[in-house]
Amino acid sequence: MGRRRRNQQTTETPGETKTEARGERKETKQDYKLDKTALKTELVKAKGNRLKWLAVVMGLGLACYLALSSGGGVNLLTKVKSLIGL
């Protein structure tokens, strides 16, 4: 006795042909790729914005450090203290 073959289940709806199903899958795949590209673009923009602000904060910190460590920071601190009223 030979092997029985199982009936292959089709993913098509009864009124749909193979070419229509293939075209629909192709469109779905293209939409997915476009969405993925758009999300990657948003991610790159967000990372760039974050790194920009990180660079600004680091630059301000470096400028403050150099101003205070060079000795000129003492005059700056006394001026700030006089403005605050300490």
Protein backbone atom coordinates (compact mmCIF):
# COMPACT_ATOMS: atom_id res chain seq x y z
CA MET A 1 0.00 0.00 0.00
CA GLY A 2 1.39 3.46 -0.94
CA ARG A 3 1.73 6.56 1.16
CA ARG A 4 -1.23 8.83 1.45
CA ARG A 5 -0.70 12.43 0.54
CA ARG A 6 -2.26 15.06 2.66
CA ASN A 7 -4.32 17.68 0.97
CA GLN A 8 -2.33 20.89 0.79
CA GLN A 9 -4.08 23.73 2.43
CA THR A 10 -4.12 26.84 0.33
CA THR A 11 -3.80 30.33 1.75
CA GLU A 12 -6.00 31.71 -0.98
CA THR A 13 -9.58 32.67 -0.51
CA PRO A 14 -11.99 30.81 -2.81
CA GLY A 15 -12.36 33.64 -5.34
CA GLU A 16 -8.68 34.62 -5.44
CA THR A 17 -6.12 33.40 -7.96
CA LYS A 18 -2.49 32.66 -7.27
CA THR A 19 -1.29 35.78 -9.09
CA GLU A 20 -3.59 37.99 -7.03
CA ALA A 21 -2.38 36.37 -3.82
CA ARG A 22 1.24 36.81 -4.91
CA GLY A 23 0.66 40.46 -5.75
CA GLU A 24 -0.96 41.05 -2.38
CA ARG A 25 1.95 39.44 -0.55
CA LYS A 26 4.37 41.55 -2.58
CA GLU A 27 2.54 44.76 -1.63
CA THR A 28 2.50 43.74 2.02
CA LYS A 29 6.24 43.11 1.91
CA GLN A 30 6.89 46.49 0.28
CA ASP A 31 4.76 48.26 2.90
CA TYR A 32 6.70 46.51 5.66
CA LYS A 33 10.02 47.60 4.16
CA LEU A 34 8.84 51.21 3.84
CA ASP A 35 7.65 51.24 7.45
CA LYS A 36 10.93 49.74 8.61
CA THR A 37 12.90 52.40 6.72
CA ALA A 38 10.78 55.19 8.22
CA LEU A 39 11.32 53.82 11.73
CA LYS A 40 15.08 53.61 11.17
CA THR A 41 15.10 57.22 9.98
CA GLU A 42 13.27 58.35 13.13
CA LEU A 43 15.72 56.40 15.28
CA VAL A 44 18.73 58.04 13.61
CA LYS A 45 17.21 61.50 14.13
CA ALA A 46 16.51 60.79 17.81
CA LYS A 47 20.04 59.53 18.39
CA GLY A 48 21.51 62.57 16.65
CA ASN A 49 19.43 64.92 18.77
CA ARG A 50 20.50 63.14 21.96
CA LEU A 51 24.18 63.22 21.00
CA LYS A 52 23.93 66.92 20.13
CA TRP A 53 22.72 67.76 23.63
CA LEU A 54 25.30 65.47 25.18
CA ALA A 55 28.04 67.35 23.32
CA VAL A 56 26.63 70.71 24.49
CA VAL A 57 26.57 69.61 28.14
CA MET A 58 30.09 68.17 27.90
CA GLY A 59 31.34 71.39 26.32
CA LEU A 60 29.81 73.49 29.08
CA GLY A 61 31.34 71.22 31.70
CA LEU A 62 34.75 71.46 30.07
CA ALA A 63 34.50 75.25 29.82
CA CYS A 64 33.56 75.51 33.51
CA TYR A 65 36.40 73.20 34.49
CA LEU A 66 38.96 75.19 32.51
CA ALA A 67 37.67 78.50 33.90
CA LEU A 68 37.83 77.27 37.48
CA SER A 69 41.13 75.41 37.23
CA SER A 70 43.05 78.26 35.59
CA GLY A 71 42.68 80.52 38.61
CA GLY A 72 40.39 82.95 36.87
CA GLY A 73 37.53 81.04 38.37
CA VAL A 74 38.18 82.57 41.77
CA ASN A 75 37.23 86.00 40.47
CA LEU A 76 34.23 84.47 38.76
CA LEU A 77 33.12 82.76 41.96
CA THR A 78 33.41 85.98 43.97
CA LYS A 79 31.30 87.81 41.38
CA VAL A 80 28.65 85.09 41.54
CA LYS A 81 28.68 85.19 45.34
CA SER A 82 28.26 88.97 45.31
CA LEU A 83 25.30 88.67 42.94
CA ILE A 84 23.64 86.06 45.13
CA GLY A 85 24.40 88.01 48.28
CA LEU A 86 26.54 85.53 50.18
